[in-house]
């Protein structure tokens, strides 16, 4: 019961993070950390998944911004 409640809370947090536009310095990190944390939690490594997701999300946001700036 507790596991399903925590998964529901994490899912709601993920949806709200995607719905809110982020203009913070850590662009892409929040969404990546949520997705990575959920994926990591599924295999027992939530914190490592969140850290990796943050790094990947930040990298992808920077790559997308540089591509948009080049056009």
PDB file of N, CA and C in Angstrom:
ATOM      1  N   UNK A   1       0.830  -1.193   0.000  1.00  0.00           N
ATOM      2  CA  UNK A   1       0.000   0.000   0.000  1.00  0.00           C
ATOM      3  C   UNK A   1       0.875   1.258   0.000  1.00  0.00           C
ATOM      4  N   UNK A   2       1.920   1.265   0.822  1.00  0.00           N
ATOM      5  CA  UNK A   2       2.788   2.441   0.903  1.00  0.00           C
ATOM      6  C   UNK A   2       3.540   2.628  -0.404  1.00  0.00           C
ATOM      7  N   UNK A   3       3.959   1.518  -1.017  1.00  0.00           N
ATOM      8  CA  UNK A   3       4.709   1.603  -2.270  1.00  0.00           C
ATOM      9  C   UNK A   3       3.853   2.218  -3.379  1.00  0.00           C
ATOM     10  N   UNK A   4       2.591   1.820  -3.467  1.00  0.00           N
ATOM     11  CA  UNK A   4       1.735   2.377  -4.511  1.00  0.00           C
ATOM     12  C   UNK A   4       1.444   3.850  -4.251  1.00  0.00           C
ATOM     13  N   UNK A   5       1.342   4.238  -2.985  1.00  0.00           N
ATOM     14  CA  UNK A   5       1.116   5.645  -2.657  1.00  0.00           C
ATOM     15  C   UNK A   5       2.347   6.485  -3.018  1.00  0.00           C
ATOM     16  N   UNK A   6       3.533   5.950  -2.756  1.00  0.00           N
ATOM     17  CA  UNK A   6       4.740   6.707  -3.093  1.00  0.00           C
ATOM     18  C   UNK A   6       4.932   6.776  -4.606  1.00  0.00           C
ATOM     19  N   UNK A   7       4.564   5.717  -5.323  1.00  0.00           N
ATOM     20  CA  UNK A   7       4.636   5.764  -6.785  1.00  0.00           C
ATOM     21  C   UNK A   7       3.645   6.760  -7.351  1.00  0.00           C
ATOM     22  N   UNK A   8       2.456   6.817  -6.772  1.00  0.00           N
ATOM     23  CA  UNK A   8       1.460   7.791  -7.212  1.00  0.00           C
ATOM     24  C   UNK A   8       1.950   9.211  -6.960  1.00  0.00           C
ATOM     25  N   UNK A   9       2.535   9.449  -5.789  1.00  0.00           N
ATOM     26  CA  UNK A   9       3.058  10.780  -5.471  1.00  0.00           C
ATOM     27  C   UNK A   9       4.192  11.160  -6.417  1.00  0.00           C
ATOM     28  N   UNK A  10       5.065  10.217  -6.704  1.00  0.00           N
ATOM     29  CA  UNK A  10       6.174  10.490  -7.628  1.00  0.00           C
ATOM     30  C   UNK A  10       5.651  10.755  -9.034  1.00  0.00           C
ATOM     31  N   UNK A  11       4.634  10.022  -9.446  1.00  0.00           N
ATOM     32  CA  UNK A  11       4.049  10.252 -10.763  1.00  0.00           C
ATOM     33  C   UNK A  11       3.399  11.620 -10.870  1.00  0.00           C
ATOM     34  N   UNK A  12       2.689  12.023  -9.830  1.00  0.00           N
ATOM     35  CA  UNK A  12       2.076  13.349  -9.821  1.00  0.00           C
ATOM     36  C   UNK A  12       3.132  14.445  -9.836  1.00  0.00           C
ATOM     37  N   UNK A  13       4.217  14.227  -9.121  1.00  0.00           N
ATOM     38  CA  UNK A  13       5.317  15.190  -9.121  1.00  0.00           C
ATOM     39  C   UNK A  13       5.944  15.291 -10.508  1.00  0.00           C
ATOM     40  N   UNK A  14       6.095  14.156 -11.171  1.00  0.00           N
ATOM     41  CA  UNK A  14       6.671  14.158 -12.523  1.00  0.00           C
ATOM     42  C   UNK A  14       5.777  14.906 -13.497  1.00  0.00           C
ATOM     43  N   UNK A  15       4.483  14.675 -13.405  1.00  0.00           N
ATOM     44  CA  UNK A  15       3.551  15.358 -14.309  1.00  0.00           C
ATOM     45  C   UNK A  15       3.557  16.856 -14.048  1.00  0.00           C
ATOM     46  N   UNK A  16       3.581  17.250 -12.784  1.00  0.00           N
ATOM     47  CA  UNK A  16       3.591  18.684 -12.476  1.00  0.00           C
ATOM     48  C   UNK A  16       4.904  19.331 -12.902  1.00  0.00           C
ATOM     49  N   UNK A  17       6.005  18.610 -12.812  1.00  0.00           N
ATOM     50  CA  UNK A  17       7.291  19.170 -13.221  1.00  0.00           C
ATOM     51  C   UNK A  17       7.351  19.368 -14.727  1.00  0.00           C
ATOM     52  N   UNK A  18       6.714  18.490 -15.470  1.00  0.00           N
ATOM     53  CA  UNK A  18       6.695  18.621 -16.924  1.00  0.00           C
ATOM     54  C   UNK A  18       5.764  19.755 -17.336  1.00  0.00           C
ATOM     55  N   UNK A  19       4.676  19.935 -16.597  1.00  0.00           N
ATOM     56  CA  UNK A  19       3.678  20.944 -16.963  1.00  0.00           C
ATOM     57  C   UNK A  19       4.144  22.368 -16.662  1.00  0.00           C
ATOM     58  N   UNK A  20       5.040  22.529 -15.716  1.00  0.00           N
ATOM     59  CA  UNK A  20       5.512  23.855 -15.321  1.00  0.00           C
ATOM     60  C   UNK A  20       6.773  24.187 -16.118  1.00  0.00           C
ATOM     61  N   UNK A  21       6.785  25.290 -16.865  1.00  0.00           N
ATOM     62  CA  UNK A  21       8.000  25.635 -17.612  1.00  0.00           C
ATOM     63  C   UNK A  21       9.115  26.059 -16.655  1.00  0.00           C
ATOM     64  N   UNK A  22      10.302  25.529 -16.896  1.00  0.00           N
ATOM     65  CA  UNK A  22      11.443  25.819 -16.024  1.00  0.00           C
ATOM     66  C   UNK A  22      12.416  26.747 -16.736  1.00  0.00           C
ATOM     67  N   UNK A  23      12.780  27.824 -16.101  1.00  0.00           N
ATOM     68  CA  UNK A  23      13.776  28.735 -16.632  1.00  0.00           C
ATOM     69  C   UNK A  23      14.932  28.869 -15.643  1.00  0.00           C
ATOM     70  N   UNK A  24      15.141  27.860 -14.833  1.00  0.00           N
ATOM     71  CA  UNK A  24      16.199  27.900 -13.826  1.00  0.00           C
ATOM     72  C   UNK A  24      17.550  27.621 -14.472  1.00  0.00           C
ATOM     73  N   UNK A  25      18.614  27.819 -13.699  1.00  0.00           N
ATOM     74  CA  UNK A  25      19.957  27.554 -14.205  1.00  0.00           C
ATOM     75  C   UNK A  25      20.140  26.076 -14.524  1.00  0.00           C
ATOM     76  N   UNK A  26      19.546  25.215 -13.740  1.00  0.00           N
ATOM     77  CA  UNK A  26      19.694  23.776 -13.938  1.00  0.00           C
ATOM     78  C   UNK A  26      18.642  23.279 -14.914  1.00  0.00           C
ATOM     79  N   UNK A  27      18.619  23.875 -16.077  1.00  0.00           N
ATOM     80  CA  UNK A  27      17.609  23.560 -17.076  1.00  0.00           C
ATOM     81  C   UNK A  27      17.703  22.090 -17.470  1.00  0.00           C
ATOM     82  N   UNK A  28      16.590  21.394 -17.409  1.00  0.00           N
ATOM     83  CA  UNK A  28      16.539  19.991 -17.763  1.00  0.00           C
ATOM     84  C   UNK A  28      16.847  19.056 -16.613  1.00  0.00           C
ATOM     85  N   UNK A  29      17.463  19.553 -15.565  1.00  0.00           N
ATOM     86  CA  UNK A  29      17.873  18.708 -14.453  1.00  0.00           C
ATOM     87  C   UNK A  29      16.676  18.178 -13.677  1.00  0.00           C
ATOM     88  N   UNK A  30      15.705  19.006 -13.424  1.00  0.00           N
ATOM     89  CA  UNK A  30      14.585  18.590 -12.580  1.00  0.00           C
ATOM     90  C   UNK A  30      13.799  17.473 -13.255  1.00  0.00           C
ATOM     91  N   UNK A  31      13.444  17.675 -14.504  1.00  0.00           N
ATOM     92  CA  UNK A  31      12.686  16.652 -15.223  1.00  0.00           C
ATOM     93  C   UNK A  31      13.512  15.370 -15.354  1.00  0.00           C
ATOM     94  N   UNK A  32      14.783  15.499 -15.672  1.00  0.00           N
ATOM     95  CA  UNK A  32      15.654  14.331 -15.795  1.00  0.00           C
ATOM     96  C   UNK A  32      15.821  13.593 -14.482  1.00  0.00           C
ATOM     97  N   UNK A  33      15.916  14.350 -13.389  1.00  0.00           N
ATOM     98  CA  UNK A  33      16.070  13.724 -12.076  1.00  0.00           C
ATOM     99  C   UNK A  33      14.812  12.964 -11.689  1.00  0.00           C
ATOM    100  N   UNK A  34      13.655  13.505 -12.016  1.00  0.00           N
ATOM    101  CA  UNK A  34      12.409  12.808 -11.684  1.00  0.00           C
ATOM    102  C   UNK A  34      12.296  11.514 -12.474  1.00  0.00           C
ATOM    103  N   UNK A  35      12.532  11.602 -13.772  1.00  0.00           N
ATOM    104  CA  UNK A  35      12.435  10.409 -14.611  1.00  0.00           C
ATOM    105  C   UNK A  35      13.496   9.387 -14.210  1.00  0.00           C
ATOM    106  N   UNK A  36      14.721   9.841 -14.015  1.00  0.00           N
ATOM    107  CA  UNK A  36      15.796   8.933 -13.608  1.00  0.00           C
ATOM    108  C   UNK A  36      15.568   8.339 -12.235  1.00  0.00           C
ATOM    109  N   UNK A  37      15.022   9.145 -11.324  1.00  0.00           N
ATOM    110  CA  UNK A  37      14.722   8.643  -9.979  1.00  0.00           C
ATOM    111  C   UNK A  37      13.663   7.568  -9.999  1.00  0.00           C
ATOM    112  N   UNK A  38      12.636   7.768 -10.820  1.00  0.00           N
ATOM    113  CA  UNK A  38      11.586   6.748 -10.924  1.00  0.00           C
ATOM    114  C   UNK A  38      12.125   5.467 -11.544  1.00  0.00           C
ATOM    115  N   UNK A  39      12.916   5.616 -12.592  1.00  0.00           N
ATOM    116  CA  UNK A  39      13.504   4.437 -13.225  1.00  0.00           C
ATOM    117  C   UNK A  39      14.481   3.751 -12.279  1.00  0.00           C
ATOM    118  N   UNK A  40      15.280   4.540 -11.564  1.00  0.00           N
ATOM    119  CA  UNK A  40      16.229   3.966 -10.616  1.00  0.00           C
ATOM    120  C   UNK A  40      15.546   3.284  -9.454  1.00  0.00           C
ATOM    121  N   UNK A  41      14.431   3.841  -9.004  1.00  0.00           N
ATOM    122  CA  UNK A  41      13.692   3.241  -7.892  1.00  0.00           C
ATOM    123  C   UNK A  41      13.139   1.882  -8.284  1.00  0.00           C
ATOM    124  N   UNK A  42      12.772   1.739  -9.552  1.00  0.00           N
ATOM    125  CA  UNK A  42      12.236   0.464 -10.022  1.00  0.00           C
ATOM    126  C   UNK A  42      13.266  -0.653  -9.905  1.00  0.00           C
ATOM    127  N   UNK A  43      14.549  -0.319 -10.027  1.00  0.00           N
ATOM    128  CA  UNK A  43      15.592  -1.338  -9.919  1.00  0.00           C
ATOM    129  C   UNK A  43      16.372  -1.244  -8.613  1.00  0.00           C
ATOM    130  N   UNK A  44      15.936  -0.373  -7.702  1.00  0.00           N
ATOM    131  CA  UNK A  44      16.553  -0.305  -6.385  1.00  0.00           C
ATOM    132  C   UNK A  44      17.655   0.726  -6.226  1.00  0.00           C
ATOM    133  N   UNK A  45      17.822   1.635  -7.173  1.00  0.00           N
ATOM    134  CA  UNK A  45      18.870   2.648  -7.103  1.00  0.00           C
ATOM    135  C   UNK A  45      18.298   4.022  -7.430  1.00  0.00           C
ATOM    136  N   UNK A  46      17.371   4.476  -6.614  1.00  0.00           N
ATOM    137  CA  UNK A  46      16.668   5.729  -6.878  1.00  0.00           C
ATOM    138  C   UNK A  46      17.559   6.954  -6.893  1.00  0.00           C
ATOM    139  N   UNK A  47      18.459   7.064  -5.915  1.00  0.00           N
ATOM    140  CA  UNK A  47      19.328   8.249  -5.829  1.00  0.00           C
ATOM    141  C   UNK A  47      20.313   8.299  -6.993  1.00  0.00           C
ATOM    142  N   UNK A  48      20.879   7.172  -7.349  1.00  0.00           N
ATOM    143  CA  UNK A  48      21.814   7.135  -8.477  1.00  0.00           C
ATOM    144  C   UNK A  48      21.084   7.445  -9.777  1.00  0.00           C
ATOM    145  N   UNK A  49      19.865   6.952  -9.916  1.00  0.00           N
ATOM    146  CA  UNK A  49      19.076   7.232 -11.115  1.00  0.00           C
ATOM    147  C   UNK A  49      18.734   8.706 -11.218  1.00  0.00           C
ATOM    148  N   UNK A  50      18.414   9.328 -10.077  1.00  0.00           N
ATOM    149  CA  UNK A  50      18.096  10.754 -10.080  1.00  0.00           C
ATOM    150  C   UNK A  50      19.313  11.585 -10.460  1.00  0.00           C
ATOM    151  N   UNK A  51      20.476  11.224  -9.943  1.00  0.00           N
ATOM    152  CA  UNK A  51      21.702  11.962 -10.269  1.00  0.00           C
ATOM    153  C   UNK A  51      22.044  11.820 -11.748  1.00  0.00           C
ATOM    154  N   UNK A  52      21.947  10.607 -12.264  1.00  0.00           N
ATOM    155  CA  UNK A  52      22.237  10.387 -13.677  1.00  0.00           C
ATOM    156  C   UNK A  52      21.202  11.081 -14.561  1.00  0.00           C
ATOM    157  N   UNK A  53      19.944  11.029 -14.156  1.00  0.00           N
ATOM    158  CA  UNK A  53      18.895  11.690 -14.922  1.00  0.00           C
ATOM    159  C   UNK A  53      19.077  13.189 -14.972  1.00  0.00           C
ATOM    160  N   UNK A  54      19.527  13.768 -13.873  1.00  0.00           N
ATOM    161  CA  UNK A  54      19.798  15.203 -13.823  1.00  0.00           C
ATOM    162  C   UNK A  54      20.905  15.559 -14.810  1.00  0.00           C
ATOM    163  N   UNK A  55      21.963  14.781 -14.810  1.00  0.00           N
ATOM    164  CA  UNK A  55      23.084  15.057 -15.705  1.00  0.00           C
ATOM    165  C   UNK A  55      22.668  14.926 -17.170  1.00  0.00           C
ATOM    166  N   UNK A  56      21.918  13.889 -17.492  1.00  0.00           N
ATOM    167  CA  UNK A  56      21.480  13.684 -18.873  1.00  0.00           C
ATOM    168  C   UNK A  56      20.497  14.773 -19.289  1.00  0.00           C
ATOM    169  N   UNK A  57      19.561  15.108 -18.403  1.00  0.00           N
ATOM    170  CA  UNK A  57      18.587  16.155 -18.722  1.00  0.00           C
ATOM    171  C   UNK A  57      19.253  17.501 -18.949  1.00  0.00           C
ATOM    172  N   UNK A  58      20.244  17.823 -18.130  1.00  0.00           N
ATOM    173  CA  UNK A  58      20.971  19.090 -18.273  1.00  0.00           C
ATOM    174  C   UNK A  58      21.752  19.110 -19.591  1.00  0.00           C
ATOM    175  N   UNK A  59      22.383  17.987 -19.915  1.00  0.00           N
ATOM    176  CA  UNK A  59      23.140  17.888 -21.173  1.00  0.00           C
ATOM    177  C   UNK A  59      22.216  18.061 -22.378  1.00  0.00           C
ATOM    178  N   UNK A  60      21.071  17.383 -22.350  1.00  0.00           N
ATOM    179  CA  UNK A  60      20.137  17.479 -23.480  1.00  0.00           C
ATOM    180  C   UNK A  60      19.567  18.887 -23.617  1.00  0.00           C
ATOM    181  N   UNK A  61      19.310  19.560 -22.500  1.00  0.00           N
ATOM    182  CA  UNK A  61      18.799  20.928 -22.557  1.00  0.00           C
ATOM    183  C   UNK A  61      19.842  21.867 -23.153  1.00  0.00           C
ATOM    184  N   UNK A  62      21.101  21.685 -22.771  1.00  0.00           N
ATOM    185  CA  UNK A  62      22.174  22.518 -23.333  1.00  0.00           C
ATOM    186  C   UNK A  62      22.356  22.262 -24.823  1.00  0.00           C
ATOM    187  N   UNK A  63      22.271  20.991 -25.233  1.00  0.00           N
ATOM    188  CA  UNK A  63      22.421  20.646 -26.643  1.00  0.00           C
ATOM    189  C   UNK A  63      21.277  21.242 -27.464  1.00  0.00           C
ATOM    190  N   UNK A  64      20.067  21.167 -26.939  1.00  0.00           N
ATOM    191  CA  UNK A  64      18.912  21.724 -27.629  1.00  0.00           C
ATOM    192  C   UNK A  64      19.015  23.246 -27.734  1.00  0.00           C
ATOM    193  N   UNK A  65      19.497  23.898 -26.678  1.00  0.00           N
ATOM    194  CA  UNK A  65      19.644  25.360 -26.691  1.00  0.00           C
ATOM    195  C   UNK A  65      20.712  25.788 -27.692  1.00  0.00           C
ATOM    196  N   UNK A  66      21.808  25.050 -27.772  1.00  0.00           N
ATOM    197  CA  UNK A  66      22.864  25.422 -28.724  1.00  0.00           C
ATOM    198  C   UNK A  66      22.419  25.195 -30.172  1.00  0.00           C
ATOM    199  N   UNK A  67      21.612  24.172 -30.396  1.00  0.00           N
ATOM    200  CA  UNK A  67      21.088  23.932 -31.744  1.00  0.00           C
ATOM    201  C   UNK A  67      20.119  25.047 -32.137  1.00  0.00           C
ATOM    202  N   UNK A  68      19.296  25.470 -31.194  1.00  0.00           N
ATOM    203  CA  UNK A  68      18.332  26.548 -31.487  1.00  0.00           C
ATOM    204  C   UNK A  68      19.067  27.868 -31.717  1.00  0.00           C
ATOM    205  N   UNK A  69      20.159  28.085 -30.998  1.00  0.00           N
ATOM    206  CA  UNK A  69      20.929  29.310 -31.127  1.00  0.00           C
ATOM    207  C   UNK A  69      21.676  29.338 -32.462  1.00  0.00           C
ATOM    208  N   UNK A  70      22.052  28.177 -32.961  1.00  0.00           N
ATOM    209  CA  UNK A  70      22.784  28.107 -34.224  1.00  0.00           C
ATOM    210  C   UNK A  70      21.923  28.357 -35.446  1.00  0.00           C
ATOM    211  N   UNK A  71      20.638  28.220 -35.305  1.00  0.00           N
ATOM    212  CA  UNK A  71      19.742  28.393 -36.456  1.00  0.00           C
ATOM    213  C   UNK A  71      19.334  29.811 -36.649  1.00  0.00           C
TER     214      UNK A  71
END
